[in-house]
């Protein structure tokens, strides 16, 4: 099996595991367990909490003490065990701690998968900017196939979705040990205690430009969690409106939401062109504008005559997600020493999926309860989505004004050999 195919399989399984439950756990939570909305918000906050420290810690370990591919495999093996026991949980409080443990295993693998991929591709002399996006797109394909499998098998409200995720996490954990060796490049370096602990990446925050970049990564991370937490629930809620109850969007909400991931597979292939033509800053700005449209279209859409707006919102999601996450990881790669690659990518993930995700989940829950909860416990979905759109617009404007980065095509050549 050639290297490109090996990395492709890894990316496919990486996101298949997540796709089995991420967008459908809400249906399981509300329809099957009938637990409360505030407790559900706590479940999504585990993504942020675990990302506050786990990606950074595992990045340090990968840079200093253990091969990245081995650490990656161990994380997925641990996740497989936790996922297998989730169906046995019968109260929301225990569910919180079990999901936190699951996320502590899974979230570091997002950064580690990048580290393993980039390291192996560089060692093979591959052009990462050109060749990584078409490989990464198969991760999105994996997510889509998992989501469709769960939805079309009518497992959206079933605990079986966690068993499926467990099996594939186990397979990926074992497969990871067959990947090319990615030894810790920072091992044996002499220096201060901070350097010895692998905390060098946090020194990047002393640089004004990098600190600003990570700040905006945090703000965009909040936007991502808003759509993950509330998108599927938004469509499920239309079943309470008689005129929408038999529409395809209400009957198969996860399938409609999967259009977002299908869009990812298309937009990710355009990244090399946009990066080389417009540069990293402009690509990230395009992502922020896409988030504005993503939320606004949800605000005005419905499953009947407004279905086109929901579908268009899902299509735009591909640009919103890919253009920031992929270009952001490449930006980090161009700015750091190879010896702290894992730590720096871990820090990037910590800011997007950690601090940003936690703040987004926490404050959006407070905002919704205070301003957008109608009589009878119903949600003012239009108000919610338009408020999110306004948030994304403010972030985009601030980013355009304050983040200074001049496009230099030669800069992208520094991450390939």
Protein backbone atom coordinates (compact mmCIF):
# COMPACT_ATOMS: atom_id res chain seq x y z
CA UNK A 1 0.00 0.00 0.00
CA UNK A 2 1.55 3.33 -1.04
CA UNK A 3 1.89 6.21 1.41
CA UNK A 4 -0.89 8.35 -0.02
CA UNK A 5 -3.39 5.49 0.28
CA UNK A 6 -2.23 4.67 3.82
CA UNK A 7 -2.79 8.26 4.97
CA UNK A 8 -6.12 8.34 3.11
CA UNK A 9 -7.37 5.27 5.01
CA UNK A 10 -6.26 6.86 8.29
CA UNK A 11 -8.15 10.08 7.51
CA UNK A 12 -11.25 8.13 6.46
CA UNK A 13 -11.39 6.17 9.72
CA UNK A 14 -10.52 9.23 11.81
CA UNK A 15 -13.71 11.03 10.86
CA UNK A 16 -15.87 7.93 10.42
CA UNK A 17 -15.56 7.38 14.18
CA UNK A 18 -16.78 10.91 14.90
CA UNK A 19 -19.50 10.86 12.26
CA UNK A 20 -21.16 7.86 13.92
CA UNK A 21 -22.46 10.00 16.79
CA UNK A 22 -21.50 13.69 16.70
CA UNK A 23 -24.58 14.99 14.88
CA UNK A 24 -26.98 12.30 16.06
CA UNK A 25 -26.29 12.20 19.80
CA UNK A 26 -28.89 14.96 20.19
CA UNK A 27 -31.63 12.71 18.83
CA UNK A 28 -30.51 9.92 21.19
CA UNK A 29 -30.41 12.38 24.11
CA UNK A 30 -33.81 14.02 23.60
CA UNK A 31 -35.87 11.31 21.92
CA UNK A 32 -34.63 8.19 23.70
CA UNK A 33 -33.31 9.35 27.06
CA UNK A 34 -35.53 12.46 27.24
CA UNK A 35 -32.95 14.38 29.23
CA UNK A 36 -32.94 18.18 29.45
CA UNK A 37 -31.47 20.75 27.09
CA UNK A 38 -29.21 22.36 29.69
CA UNK A 39 -27.67 18.96 30.43
CA UNK A 40 -27.18 18.40 26.71
CA UNK A 41 -25.23 21.66 26.50
CA UNK A 42 -22.89 20.25 29.13
CA UNK A 43 -22.27 17.21 26.94
CA UNK A 44 -21.10 19.37 24.03
CA UNK A 45 -18.91 21.37 26.39
CA UNK A 46 -16.82 18.22 26.92
CA UNK A 47 -15.39 18.78 23.45
CA UNK A 48 -14.14 22.16 24.54
CA UNK A 49 -13.01 21.13 28.01
CA UNK A 50 -10.94 18.20 26.74
CA UNK A 51 -9.47 20.34 23.98
CA UNK A 52 -8.25 22.89 26.51
CA UNK A 53 -5.43 20.63 27.55
CA UNK A 54 -5.34 17.23 25.83
CA UNK A 55 -4.13 18.27 22.32
CA UNK A 56 -1.39 20.40 23.87
CA UNK A 57 -0.32 17.61 26.23
CA UNK A 58 -0.25 14.96 23.52
CA UNK A 59 1.54 17.39 21.21
CA UNK A 60 4.23 17.82 23.86
CA UNK A 61 4.53 14.05 24.24
CA UNK A 62 4.77 13.61 20.45
CA UNK A 63 7.46 16.27 20.23
CA UNK A 64 9.53 15.02 23.17
CA UNK A 65 8.97 11.44 24.19
CA UNK A 66 6.84 9.19 21.98
CA UNK A 67 6.36 8.54 18.28
CA UNK A 68 3.28 10.41 17.11
CA UNK A 69 1.77 7.40 15.33
CA UNK A 70 1.99 5.27 18.50
CA UNK A 71 0.41 7.94 20.66
CA UNK A 72 -2.28 8.38 18.02
CA UNK A 73 -3.05 4.66 18.12
CA UNK A 74 -3.20 4.53 21.91
CA UNK A 75 -5.69 7.41 22.00
CA UNK A 76 -8.04 5.62 19.60
CA UNK A 77 -7.78 2.33 21.50
CA UNK A 78 -8.75 4.17 24.69
CA UNK A 79 -11.63 5.86 22.88
CA UNK A 80 -12.90 2.49 21.64
CA UNK A 81 -13.21 1.21 25.20
CA UNK A 82 -15.08 4.31 26.41
CA UNK A 83 -17.47 4.37 23.44
CA UNK A 84 -18.37 0.74 24.08
CA UNK A 85 -19.61 1.58 27.59
CA UNK A 86 -21.63 4.71 26.74
CA UNK A 87 -24.89 2.75 26.10
CA UNK A 88 -24.70 1.47 29.68
CA UNK A 89 -25.00 5.00 31.10
CA UNK A 90 -28.45 5.79 32.47
CA UNK A 91 -28.19 9.26 33.94
CA UNK A 92 -27.01 12.59 32.45
CA UNK A 93 -24.49 13.32 35.19
CA UNK A 94 -22.58 10.08 34.58
CA UNK A 95 -22.94 10.65 30.83
CA UNK A 96 -21.08 13.94 31.19
CA UNK A 97 -18.04 12.30 32.78
CA UNK A 98 -18.02 9.36 30.36
CA UNK A 99 -18.27 11.70 27.36
CA UNK A 100 -15.51 13.87 28.82
CA UNK A 101 -13.27 10.80 29.00
CA UNK A 102 -14.22 9.89 25.43
CA UNK A 103 -13.34 13.38 24.23
CA UNK A 104 -10.06 13.30 26.14
CA UNK A 105 -9.17 10.31 23.99
CA UNK A 106 -10.54 11.61 20.68
CA UNK A 107 -9.79 15.34 20.51
CA UNK A 108 -5.97 14.97 20.60
CA UNK A 109 -6.17 12.68 17.56
CA UNK A 110 -7.32 15.58 15.35
CA UNK A 111 -3.97 17.31 15.81
CA UNK A 112 -2.00 14.06 15.90
CA UNK A 113 -3.49 12.95 12.59
CA UNK A 114 -2.16 16.16 11.05
CA UNK A 115 1.24 15.64 12.65
CA UNK A 116 1.47 12.03 11.40
CA UNK A 117 0.29 13.00 7.91
CA UNK A 118 2.59 16.02 7.50
CA UNK A 119 5.59 14.19 8.94
CA UNK A 120 5.17 11.17 6.66
CA UNK A 121 4.54 13.33 3.59
CA UNK A 122 7.55 15.54 4.24
CA UNK A 123 9.76 12.50 4.75
CA UNK A 124 8.55 11.20 1.37
CA UNK A 125 9.22 14.56 -0.30
CA UNK A 126 5.56 15.19 -1.12
CA UNK A 127 4.06 18.65 -1.73
CA UNK A 128 1.79 19.05 1.30
CA UNK A 129 -0.05 22.14 0.04
CA UNK A 130 -0.95 20.36 -3.18
CA UNK A 131 -1.36 16.75 -2.07
CA UNK A 132 -2.75 16.90 1.49
CA UNK A 133 -6.19 18.46 0.76
CA UNK A 134 -7.24 15.66 -1.67
CA UNK A 135 -6.18 13.16 0.99
CA UNK A 136 -7.94 14.99 3.82
CA UNK A 137 -11.14 15.07 1.81
CA UNK A 138 -11.50 11.33 2.45
CA UNK A 139 -11.86 12.12 6.14
CA UNK A 140 -14.96 14.09 5.26
CA UNK A 141 -16.16 11.20 3.07
CA UNK A 142 -15.75 8.95 6.10
CA UNK A 143 -17.84 11.31 8.22
CA UNK A 144 -20.58 11.39 5.57
CA UNK A 145 -20.69 7.61 5.15
CA UNK A 146 -20.87 7.15 8.92
CA UNK A 147 -23.67 9.71 9.21
CA UNK A 148 -25.68 8.16 6.38
CA UNK A 149 -25.12 4.68 7.82
CA UNK A 150 -26.50 5.73 11.18
CA UNK A 151 -29.41 7.71 9.70
CA UNK A 152 -30.56 5.28 7.02
CA UNK A 153 -30.27 2.38 9.48
CA UNK A 154 -32.60 4.32 11.79
CA UNK A 155 -29.98 4.39 14.54
CA UNK A 156 -30.14 8.15 15.20
CA UNK A 157 -32.06 7.55 18.43
CA UNK A 158 -30.35 4.24 19.25
CA UNK A 159 -27.38 3.48 21.49
CA UNK A 160 -26.08 1.21 18.71
CA UNK A 161 -24.43 4.26 17.11
CA UNK A 162 -21.85 4.19 19.93
CA UNK A 163 -21.10 0.51 19.37
CA UNK A 164 -20.45 1.20 15.69
CA UNK A 165 -18.13 4.07 16.60
CA UNK A 166 -16.33 1.83 19.12
CA UNK A 167 -15.60 -0.88 16.55
CA UNK A 168 -14.10 1.55 14.06
CA UNK A 169 -12.11 3.35 16.76
CA UNK A 170 -10.60 -0.02 17.67
CA UNK A 171 -9.73 -0.71 14.02
CA UNK A 172 -8.11 2.71 13.64
CA UNK A 173 -6.16 2.32 16.88
CA UNK A 174 -4.62 -0.90 15.61
CA UNK A 175 -4.07 0.48 12.10
CA UNK A 176 -2.19 3.50 13.49
CA UNK A 177 0.70 1.29 14.59
CA UNK A 178 1.32 0.37 10.94
CA UNK A 179 1.84 4.00 9.89
CA UNK A 180 5.33 5.40 9.08
CA UNK A 181 7.36 6.17 12.16
CA UNK A 182 7.09 9.79 13.34
CA UNK A 183 9.80 10.11 16.02
CA UNK A 184 9.82 13.05 18.45
CA UNK A 185 11.93 15.69 16.69
CA UNK A 186 12.42 17.69 19.89
CA UNK A 187 13.87 14.74 21.79
CA UNK A 188 17.28 15.30 23.34
CA UNK A 189 17.33 19.06 22.85
CA UNK A 190 18.92 20.95 25.71
CA UNK A 191 17.39 24.05 27.15
CA UNK A 192 15.26 25.46 29.94
CA UNK A 193 12.68 23.57 31.96
CA UNK A 194 9.98 25.02 29.70
CA UNK A 195 11.80 23.63 26.69
CA UNK A 196 12.35 20.26 28.36
CA UNK A 197 8.62 19.95 29.05
CA UNK A 198 7.85 20.76 25.45
CA UNK A 199 6.01 23.97 26.34
CA UNK A 200 7.88 25.97 23.70
CA UNK A 201 4.74 26.31 21.59
CA UNK A 202 3.10 28.46 24.25
CA UNK A 203 5.92 30.94 23.72
CA UNK A 204 4.33 31.61 20.32
CA UNK A 205 1.71 33.60 22.21
CA UNK A 206 4.37 36.18 23.01
CA UNK A 207 4.46 37.09 19.33
CA UNK A 208 1.70 39.60 18.69
CA UNK A 209 0.81 38.27 15.27
CA UNK A 210 0.64 34.65 16.41
CA UNK A 211 -1.31 35.58 19.53
CA UNK A 212 -3.84 37.41 17.37
CA UNK A 213 -4.09 34.41 15.05
CA UNK A 214 -4.81 32.06 17.95
CA UNK A 215 -7.35 34.55 19.33
CA UNK A 216 -9.32 34.46 16.08
CA UNK A 217 -8.92 30.67 15.98
CA UNK A 218 -10.70 30.64 19.34
CA UNK A 219 -13.54 32.83 18.03
CA UNK A 220 -14.02 30.63 14.97
CA UNK A 221 -13.94 27.53 17.14
CA UNK A 222 -16.99 28.89 18.94
CA UNK A 223 -18.84 29.21 15.63
CA UNK A 224 -18.12 25.58 14.73
CA UNK A 225 -19.61 24.29 17.98
CA UNK A 226 -22.76 26.35 17.50
CA UNK A 227 -23.59 24.57 14.27
CA UNK A 228 -22.62 21.12 15.60
CA UNK A 229 -24.65 21.49 18.79
CA UNK A 230 -27.83 22.99 17.40
CA UNK A 231 -28.06 22.11 13.69
CA UNK A 232 -29.62 18.64 13.97
CA UNK A 233 -31.85 19.70 16.87
CA UNK A 234 -33.05 22.68 14.79
CA UNK A 235 -34.37 20.36 12.06
CA UNK A 236 -35.83 17.87 14.55
CA UNK A 237 -37.89 20.68 16.11
CA UNK A 238 -39.85 21.20 12.88
CA UNK A 239 -41.65 17.91 13.55
CA UNK A 240 -43.82 19.88 15.98
CA UNK A 241 -45.17 21.96 13.08
CA UNK A 242 -47.89 19.96 11.23
CA UNK A 243 -47.10 21.37 7.79
CA UNK A 244 -43.46 20.23 8.03
CA UNK A 245 -43.78 16.87 9.78
CA UNK A 246 -43.65 14.77 6.59
CA UNK A 247 -40.89 16.70 4.82
CA UNK A 248 -37.65 14.90 4.04
CA UNK A 249 -35.63 17.32 6.19
CA UNK A 250 -37.67 16.37 9.26
CA UNK A 251 -37.76 12.64 8.48
CA UNK A 252 -34.01 12.40 7.77
CA UNK A 253 -32.39 15.47 9.36
CA UNK A 254 -28.96 13.85 9.58
CA UNK A 255 -29.00 13.18 5.83
CA UNK A 256 -29.80 16.85 5.13
CA UNK A 257 -27.08 17.96 7.53
CA UNK A 258 -24.62 15.65 5.77
CA UNK A 259 -24.78 17.97 2.77
CA UNK A 260 -22.43 20.11 4.86
CA UNK A 261 -19.83 17.35 4.83
CA UNK A 262 -20.40 16.62 1.14
CA UNK A 263 -19.68 20.29 0.51
CA UNK A 264 -16.46 19.91 2.49
CA UNK A 265 -15.24 17.29 0.03
CA UNK A 266 -15.63 19.81 -2.79
CA UNK A 267 -14.25 22.91 -1.12
CA UNK A 268 -11.24 21.16 0.34
CA UNK A 269 -10.09 20.36 -3.20
CA UNK A 270 -10.11 24.07 -4.04
CA UNK A 271 -7.83 25.05 -1.15
CA UNK A 272 -4.51 24.74 -3.06
CA UNK A 273 -5.84 27.14 -5.74
CA UNK A 274 -7.24 29.67 -3.26
CA UNK A 275 -4.17 29.57 -1.02
CA UNK A 276 -1.74 30.17 -3.86
CA UNK A 277 -3.97 32.77 -5.54
CA UNK A 278 -5.20 34.77 -2.55
CA UNK A 279 -3.01 33.82 0.42
CA UNK A 280 -3.75 32.52 3.88
CA UNK A 281 -5.37 35.67 5.31
CA UNK A 282 -7.87 36.09 2.49
CA UNK A 283 -8.80 32.40 2.60
CA UNK A 284 -9.45 32.60 6.34
CA UNK A 285 -11.51 35.77 5.82
CA UNK A 286 -13.60 33.97 3.20
CA UNK A 287 -14.28 31.34 5.85
CA UNK A 288 -15.58 33.92 8.29
CA UNK A 289 -17.91 35.49 5.73
CA UNK A 290 -19.16 31.98 4.93
CA UNK A 291 -20.05 31.49 8.59
CA UNK A 292 -22.21 34.61 8.42
CA UNK A 293 -24.13 33.19 5.47
CA UNK A 294 -24.30 29.73 7.06
CA UNK A 295 -26.17 31.04 10.10
CA UNK A 296 -28.29 33.65 8.30
CA UNK A 297 -29.65 31.12 5.80
CA UNK A 298 -30.59 28.77 8.64
CA UNK A 299 -32.42 31.70 10.23
CA UNK A 300 -34.68 32.26 7.22
CA UNK A 301 -35.00 28.65 6.02
CA UNK A 302 -37.59 25.95 6.67
CA UNK A 303 -38.08 22.31 5.54
CA UNK A 304 -40.69 23.19 2.86
CA UNK A 305 -40.49 26.21 0.56
CA UNK A 306 -37.40 27.38 2.45
CA UNK A 307 -35.54 24.09 2.09
CA UNK A 308 -33.28 25.63 -0.56
CA UNK A 309 -31.91 28.01 2.06
CA UNK A 310 -31.13 25.17 4.44
CA UNK A 311 -29.43 23.25 1.64
CA UNK A 312 -27.48 26.33 0.53
CA UNK A 313 -26.42 26.90 4.13
CA UNK A 314 -25.08 23.34 4.25
CA UNK A 315 -23.20 23.88 0.98
CA UNK A 316 -21.62 27.08 2.33
CA UNK A 317 -20.53 25.18 5.43
CA UNK A 318 -17.85 23.47 3.35
CA UNK A 319 -16.10 26.78 2.75
CA UNK A 320 -16.70 27.96 6.33
CA UNK A 321 -15.12 24.88 7.88
CA UNK A 322 -12.37 23.92 5.44
CA UNK A 323 -10.99 27.32 4.57
CA UNK A 324 -10.14 28.18 8.15
CA UNK A 325 -9.15 24.81 9.58
CA UNK A 326 -6.89 23.66 6.75
CA UNK A 327 -5.37 27.07 5.98
CA UNK A 328 -4.98 27.65 9.72
CA UNK A 329 -3.01 24.45 10.24
CA UNK A 330 -0.83 25.31 7.24
CA UNK A 331 -0.26 28.81 8.62
CA UNK A 332 0.95 27.31 11.91
CA UNK A 333 3.21 24.96 9.94
CA UNK A 334 4.88 27.91 8.17
CA UNK A 335 5.49 29.82 11.40
CA UNK A 336 7.03 27.24 13.74
CA UNK A 337 10.21 25.23 14.06
CA UNK A 338 9.77 21.54 13.05
CA UNK A 339 10.86 20.54 16.56
CA UNK A 340 7.67 21.95 18.03
CA UNK A 341 5.29 20.99 15.20
CA UNK A 342 3.17 18.70 17.35
CA UNK A 343 2.95 21.21 20.20
CA UNK A 344 2.02 24.07 17.86
CA UNK A 345 -0.68 22.08 16.08
CA UNK A 346 -1.94 20.98 19.50
CA UNK A 347 -2.12 24.62 20.58
CA UNK A 348 -4.07 25.49 17.42
CA UNK A 349 -6.55 22.69 18.15
CA UNK A 350 -6.73 23.77 21.78
CA UNK A 351 -7.78 27.28 20.80
CA UNK A 352 -10.34 26.18 18.17
CA UNK A 353 -11.80 23.01 19.69
CA UNK A 354 -10.93 23.84 23.29
CA UNK A 355 -11.28 27.42 24.45
CA UNK A 356 -13.46 28.42 21.52
CA UNK A 357 -15.71 25.36 21.70
CA UNK A 358 -16.18 25.68 25.45
CA UNK A 359 -16.98 29.39 25.35
CA UNK A 360 -19.26 28.92 22.35
CA UNK A 361 -21.23 26.10 23.99
CA UNK A 362 -21.41 27.79 27.39
CA UNK A 363 -22.36 31.32 26.38
CA UNK A 364 -24.70 30.27 23.57
CA UNK A 365 -26.61 28.17 26.09
CA UNK A 366 -26.93 31.12 28.46
CA UNK A 367 -27.95 33.43 25.62
CA UNK A 368 -30.59 31.05 24.29
CA UNK A 369 -32.11 30.47 27.73
CA UNK A 370 -32.26 34.19 28.46
CA UNK A 371 -33.28 35.70 25.13
CA UNK A 372 -34.58 33.02 22.76
CA UNK A 373 -36.69 30.65 24.85
CA UNK A 374 -40.39 31.04 24.05
CA UNK A 375 -43.47 29.96 25.99
CA UNK A 376 -43.86 26.22 26.27
CA UNK A 377 -40.11 25.66 26.13
CA UNK A 378 -39.91 26.26 22.38
CA UNK A 379 -36.92 27.94 20.77
CA UNK A 380 -36.91 31.10 18.67
CA UNK A 381 -34.70 29.51 16.04
CA UNK A 382 -34.71 32.48 13.68
CA UNK A 383 -33.52 34.77 16.45
CA UNK A 384 -30.88 32.26 17.50
CA UNK A 385 -29.40 31.84 14.02
CA UNK A 386 -29.44 35.56 13.22
CA UNK A 387 -27.66 36.29 16.51
CA UNK A 388 -25.01 33.75 15.54
CA UNK A 389 -24.72 35.38 12.11
CA UNK A 390 -24.17 38.79 13.72
CA UNK A 391 -21.44 37.29 15.89
CA UNK A 392 -19.64 35.82 12.86
CA UNK A 393 -19.91 39.15 11.02
CA UNK A 394 -18.27 41.03 13.88
CA UNK A 395 -15.43 38.45 13.97
CA UNK A 396 -14.90 38.79 10.21
CA UNK A 397 -14.72 42.59 10.38
CA UNK A 398 -12.25 42.55 13.28
CA UNK A 399 -10.10 39.94 11.53
CA UNK A 400 -9.97 41.97 8.32
CA UNK A 401 -8.87 45.06 10.24
CA UNK A 402 -6.42 43.74 12.80
CA UNK A 403 -4.78 40.58 11.41
CA UNK A 404 -1.88 41.69 9.21
CA UNK A 405 -0.42 39.08 6.90
CA UNK A 406 0.96 39.80 3.46
CA UNK A 407 0.54 37.07 0.89
CA UNK A 408 3.86 35.51 -0.09
CA UNK A 409 3.53 32.44 -2.39
CA UNK A 410 7.06 31.38 -1.49
CA UNK A 411 6.01 31.00 2.15
CA UNK A 412 3.93 27.93 1.35
CA UNK A 413 6.97 26.29 -0.18
CA UNK A 414 8.64 26.18 3.24
CA UNK A 415 6.52 23.24 4.36
CA UNK A 416 7.53 20.88 1.59
CA UNK A 417 10.86 19.36 0.63
